[in-house]
Protein backbone atom coordinates (compact mmCIF):
# COMPACT_ATOMS: atom_id res chain seq x y z
CA MET A 1 -7.49 31.23 -29.25
CA ALA A 2 -10.34 28.75 -29.41
CA ARG A 3 -10.47 26.38 -26.38
CA THR A 4 -9.62 22.73 -27.11
CA ALA A 5 -12.74 20.48 -26.93
CA LEU A 6 -13.13 18.90 -23.62
CA SER A 7 -12.53 15.10 -23.33
CA ARG A 8 -13.72 12.52 -21.00
CA ASP A 9 -10.12 11.83 -19.96
CA GLN A 10 -9.63 15.57 -19.05
CA VAL A 11 -12.70 15.36 -16.91
CA LEU A 12 -11.54 12.22 -15.05
CA ASP A 13 -7.99 13.59 -14.65
CA THR A 14 -9.36 16.84 -12.98
CA ALA A 15 -11.86 14.93 -10.89
CA ALA A 16 -9.21 12.49 -9.64
CA ALA A 17 -6.83 15.39 -8.77
CA LEU A 18 -9.64 16.96 -6.63
CA VAL A 19 -10.34 13.76 -4.85
CA LYS A 20 -6.62 13.10 -4.19
CA GLU A 21 -6.15 16.69 -2.75
CA HIS A 22 -9.48 17.20 -0.91
CA GLY A 23 -11.32 13.90 -0.68
CA PRO A 24 -14.59 12.83 -2.31
CA THR A 25 -16.79 15.25 -0.56
CA ALA A 26 -14.99 18.09 -2.27
CA LEU A 27 -15.96 16.74 -5.76
CA THR A 28 -19.09 18.47 -6.87
CA MET A 29 -20.19 18.84 -10.43
CA ARG A 30 -20.10 22.66 -10.10
CA ARG A 31 -16.58 22.67 -8.67
CA LEU A 32 -15.35 20.30 -11.29
CA ALA A 33 -16.91 22.46 -14.08
CA ALA A 34 -15.19 25.54 -12.56
CA GLU A 35 -11.88 23.84 -12.54
CA LEU A 36 -12.24 22.83 -16.14
CA GLY A 37 -13.59 26.13 -17.17
CA THR A 38 -16.74 24.71 -18.64
CA ALA A 39 -20.49 24.37 -18.01
CA VAL A 40 -21.91 21.78 -15.64
CA THR A 41 -23.96 20.32 -18.62
CA SER A 42 -20.71 19.60 -20.36
CA ILE A 43 -19.50 17.46 -17.43
CA TYR A 44 -22.78 15.49 -17.60
CA TRP A 45 -22.32 14.92 -21.25
CA HIS A 46 -19.00 13.34 -20.90
CA VAL A 47 -19.45 11.28 -17.59
CA GLY A 48 -23.05 11.37 -16.58
CA ASN A 49 -24.02 12.30 -12.97
CA ARG A 50 -21.84 12.49 -9.91
CA GLU A 51 -22.35 8.75 -9.11
CA SER A 52 -21.33 7.71 -12.60
CA LEU A 53 -18.41 10.03 -12.27
CA LEU A 54 -17.35 8.30 -9.00
CA ASP A 55 -17.76 4.93 -10.53
CA ALA A 56 -15.50 5.92 -13.49
CA LEU A 57 -12.92 7.15 -11.10
CA VAL A 58 -13.07 3.81 -9.16
CA GLU A 59 -12.66 1.87 -12.51
CA ARG A 60 -9.63 3.93 -13.46
CA THR A 61 -8.06 3.47 -9.99
CA VAL A 62 -8.48 -0.36 -10.27
CA ALA A 63 -6.97 -0.16 -13.81
CA ASP A 64 -4.07 1.97 -12.60
CA LEU A 65 -3.07 -0.61 -9.96
CA GLY A 66 -2.97 -3.19 -12.85
CA THR A 67 0.10 -1.48 -14.39
CA LEU A 68 2.65 -2.45 -11.81
CA ARG A 69 5.87 -3.79 -13.51
CA PRO A 70 8.24 -5.65 -11.33
CA HIS A 71 12.01 -5.20 -11.88
CA GLY A 72 15.13 -6.83 -10.39
CA ALA A 73 17.75 -9.33 -11.13
CA ASP A 74 16.17 -12.20 -9.21
CA PRO A 75 12.63 -13.18 -7.90
CA ALA A 76 13.36 -11.86 -4.43
CA GLU A 77 14.31 -8.39 -5.69
CA ARG A 78 11.29 -8.45 -8.04
CA ILE A 79 9.02 -9.33 -5.28
CA VAL A 80 10.27 -6.42 -3.21
CA SER A 81 9.76 -4.13 -6.24
CA VAL A 82 6.11 -5.20 -6.49
CA ALA A 83 5.70 -4.44 -2.80
CA ARG A 84 7.30 -1.01 -3.18
CA LEU A 85 5.21 -0.14 -6.28
CA LEU A 86 2.04 -1.25 -4.55
CA ARG A 87 2.82 0.73 -1.46
CA ARG A 88 3.53 3.86 -3.47
CA ALA A 89 0.24 3.44 -5.46
CA LEU A 90 -1.80 3.10 -2.29
CA ARG A 91 0.06 6.05 -0.62
CA ASP A 92 -0.51 8.25 -3.72
CA ARG A 93 -4.28 7.92 -3.87
CA PRO A 94 -5.65 7.14 -0.39
CA HIS A 95 -9.10 8.75 -1.11
CA LEU A 96 -9.48 6.91 -4.39
CA VAL A 97 -8.46 3.70 -2.79
CA ALA A 98 -11.04 4.20 0.00
CA MET A 99 -13.73 4.66 -2.74
CA VAL A 100 -12.68 1.41 -4.40
CA HIS A 101 -12.99 -0.38 -1.03
CA GLU A 102 -16.47 1.17 -0.39
CA ARG A 103 -17.65 -0.24 -3.73
CA GLY A 104 -16.48 -3.74 -2.87
CA LEU A 105 -13.68 -3.87 -5.40
CA THR A 106 -10.69 -4.10 -3.20
CA GLU A 107 -9.88 -7.70 -4.16
CA GLN A 108 -10.16 -6.95 -7.81
CA MET A 109 -7.81 -3.96 -7.25
CA PHE A 110 -5.14 -6.12 -5.63
CA LEU A 111 -5.47 -9.00 -8.20
CA PRO A 112 -2.78 -7.74 -10.59
CA ALA A 113 -0.20 -7.29 -7.83
CA GLN A 114 -1.11 -10.82 -6.64
CA ARG A 115 -0.62 -12.25 -10.08
CA ALA A 116 2.75 -10.62 -10.34
CA LEU A 117 3.76 -11.99 -6.99
CA ILE A 118 2.51 -15.42 -7.93
CA HIS A 119 4.73 -15.32 -11.06
CA GLU A 120 7.83 -14.40 -8.97
CA ALA A 121 6.96 -17.08 -6.36
CA HIS A 122 6.96 -19.74 -9.06
CA ALA A 123 10.19 -18.42 -10.46
CA ALA A 124 11.60 -18.96 -7.01
CA GLY A 125 10.41 -22.51 -6.92
CA LEU A 126 7.41 -22.07 -4.60
CA ARG A 127 4.13 -23.86 -5.42
CA GLY A 128 0.68 -24.25 -3.86
CA ALA A 129 0.16 -23.14 -0.37
CA ARG A 130 3.78 -21.84 -0.08
CA ALA A 131 3.22 -19.51 -2.97
CA ALA A 132 -0.11 -18.41 -1.51
CA GLU A 133 1.59 -17.75 1.82
CA LEU A 134 4.07 -15.47 0.19
CA VAL A 135 1.51 -13.58 -1.86
CA ARG A 136 -0.66 -12.88 1.18
CA ALA A 137 2.24 -12.05 3.51
CA VAL A 138 3.61 -9.52 1.19
CA GLN A 139 0.18 -8.03 0.43
CA PHE A 140 -0.59 -7.76 4.22
CA GLN A 141 2.82 -6.30 4.86
CA VAL A 142 2.14 -3.55 2.29
CA VAL A 143 -1.43 -2.77 3.46
CA GLY A 144 -0.50 -2.83 7.19
CA HIS A 145 2.47 -0.53 6.62
CA VAL A 146 0.43 1.94 4.69
CA LEU A 147 -2.22 2.00 7.37
CA VAL A 148 0.38 2.65 10.03
CA GLU A 149 1.93 5.47 7.98
CA ARG A 150 -1.49 7.12 7.47
CA ASN A 151 -2.32 6.82 11.16
CA ARG A 152 0.87 8.49 12.16
CA GLU A 153 0.51 11.30 9.67
CA ARG A 154 -3.16 11.98 10.92
CA SER A 155 -2.49 11.65 14.62
CA PRO A 156 -2.38 14.69 16.81
CA ALA A 157 0.88 15.99 18.20
CA GLN A 158 2.20 13.57 20.82
CA SER A 159 3.27 14.48 24.40
CA PRO A 160 5.69 13.25 25.26
CA ALA A 161 7.21 12.98 21.82
CA GLU A 162 9.65 10.16 20.74
CA THR A 163 12.62 12.42 21.27
CA GLU A 164 11.54 12.86 24.98
CA LEU A 165 10.61 9.16 25.42
CA TRP A 166 14.09 8.07 24.25
CA ALA A 167 16.16 10.78 25.86
CA PRO A 168 18.71 9.49 28.48
CA ALA A 169 17.36 9.68 31.96
CA THR A 170 20.18 12.01 33.05
CA THR A 171 18.95 14.70 30.65
CA THR A 172 15.39 14.74 31.89
CA GLY A 173 15.96 15.21 35.54
CA THR A 174 14.18 12.01 36.43
CA PRO A 175 15.84 9.22 38.38
CA ALA A 176 17.39 6.47 36.32
CA PRO A 177 15.02 3.41 36.06
CA THR A 178 15.90 0.05 37.35
CA PRO A 179 17.06 -1.90 35.29
CA PRO A 180 18.79 0.83 33.23
CA SER A 181 16.78 2.04 30.25
CA PRO A 182 17.77 1.18 26.67
CA ALA A 183 18.61 4.93 26.30
CA ASP A 184 21.40 4.52 28.90
CA GLU A 185 22.57 1.06 27.78
CA ASP A 186 22.57 1.81 24.02
CA PRO A 187 22.68 5.61 23.23
CA ALA A 188 23.02 4.93 19.52
CA LEU A 189 19.68 3.00 19.73
CA ALA A 190 17.99 5.75 21.59
CA ARG A 191 19.14 8.34 19.10
CA ALA A 192 17.85 6.31 16.23
CA LEU A 193 14.49 5.86 17.86
CA ALA A 194 14.26 9.49 18.65
CA ALA A 195 14.96 10.49 15.08
CA PRO A 196 12.26 10.98 12.41
CA VAL A 197 11.23 7.61 10.73
CA ASP A 198 12.43 6.98 7.24
CA THR A 199 9.34 5.03 6.31
CA GLU A 200 10.49 4.15 2.82
CA ARG A 201 13.80 2.65 4.08
CA LEU A 202 11.94 0.87 6.96
CA PHE A 203 9.37 -0.63 4.52
CA THR A 204 11.99 -1.90 2.17
CA ALA A 205 13.94 -3.45 4.97
CA GLY A 206 10.91 -5.13 6.39
CA VAL A 207 9.81 -6.53 3.02
CA ARG A 208 13.33 -7.80 2.28
CA ALA A 209 13.45 -9.58 5.49
CA LEU A 210 9.93 -11.07 5.14
CA VAL A 211 10.72 -12.28 1.54
CA ALA A 212 14.13 -13.69 2.50
CA GLY A 213 12.56 -15.62 5.23
CA LEU A 214 9.74 -17.02 3.20
CA LEU A 215 12.11 -18.01 0.40
CA GLY A 216 14.85 -19.15 2.75
CA THR A 217 12.58 -21.60 4.63
CA HIS A 218 11.62 -23.30 1.43
CA ASP A 219 13.31 -26.65 1.82
CA GLY A 220 11.93 -28.16 -1.30
CA SER A 221 9.94 -30.90 0.51
CA ARG A 222 7.00 -29.54 2.52
CA ASP A 223 4.34 -26.99 2.55
CA SER A 224 4.11 -24.39 5.33
CA GLY A 225 1.74 -26.70 7.26
CA GLY A 226 4.64 -29.06 7.80
CA ASP A 227 2.57 -32.18 7.15
CA ARG A 228 1.87 -32.22 3.49
CA PRO A 229 4.25 -33.00 0.67
CA ARG A 230 4.97 -30.11 -1.81
CA GLY A 231 2.86 -29.88 -4.97
CA ARG A 232 0.63 -27.52 -6.91
CA ALA A 233 -2.77 -26.96 -5.21
CA ARG A 234 -5.62 -28.55 -7.02
CA GLY A 235 -7.04 -25.11 -7.96
CA GLY A 236 -3.66 -23.57 -9.02
CA PRO A 237 -1.29 -21.40 -6.82
CA HIS A 238 -4.03 -19.01 -5.72
CA THR A 239 -7.25 -20.59 -4.57
CA GLY A 240 -10.11 -19.48 -2.35
CA SER A 241 -11.02 -16.03 -1.46
CA GLU A 242 -8.53 -13.44 -0.29
CA PRO A 243 -8.77 -12.28 3.32
CA SER A 244 -10.07 -8.81 3.88
CA THR A 245 -7.36 -6.06 3.71
CA ARG A 246 -9.14 -3.45 5.78
């Protein structure tokens, strides 16, 4: 059976899969051609050289993060949904996101999520600095959580481990500290801290608490600065440059 003609999308799909699995250094034109069962010259025909290929992958990653679609019955739930979708997108493609960052397109990558958050902030009655505060707080919560998750996953085996650190003193043979440790005062707490972390549940709980606090402190009269009356910022709800997310 004749082989289907190779397309640019097939080349990019296979290249993205290689980067996701093994990182950018594993992406060579020869290896990509082998994965596709074609000649290296065919790869050049569709995407140009390796740098052009990497640029195309970055553009596609930025575009992918522009497809987040919030859901939920109210602004608070839709904001949480944006945060969860953004976290999942960043978690699913860490090497590609790193490439986006290296090419100076991080802010452009986050822009669609920011716009979605702005829309929900407005729906919740926030304007100006209050809306901007919510957008940035949620974005920083997502990025910070993902960085902590990645760090925990890549860290070497810990000794002592959390199970040992939170074990009751009576089971370790060590004298009970003074004052008593939380493991002795609250065994259920110790067991929970010793258990594996459910990062999805922890993330969702943290974002919900953050959003509830930001929306709940909205008294309809003042911005977060406490001195200025509410009102739309002169440049719209999102003005100025976004802080670095690294």
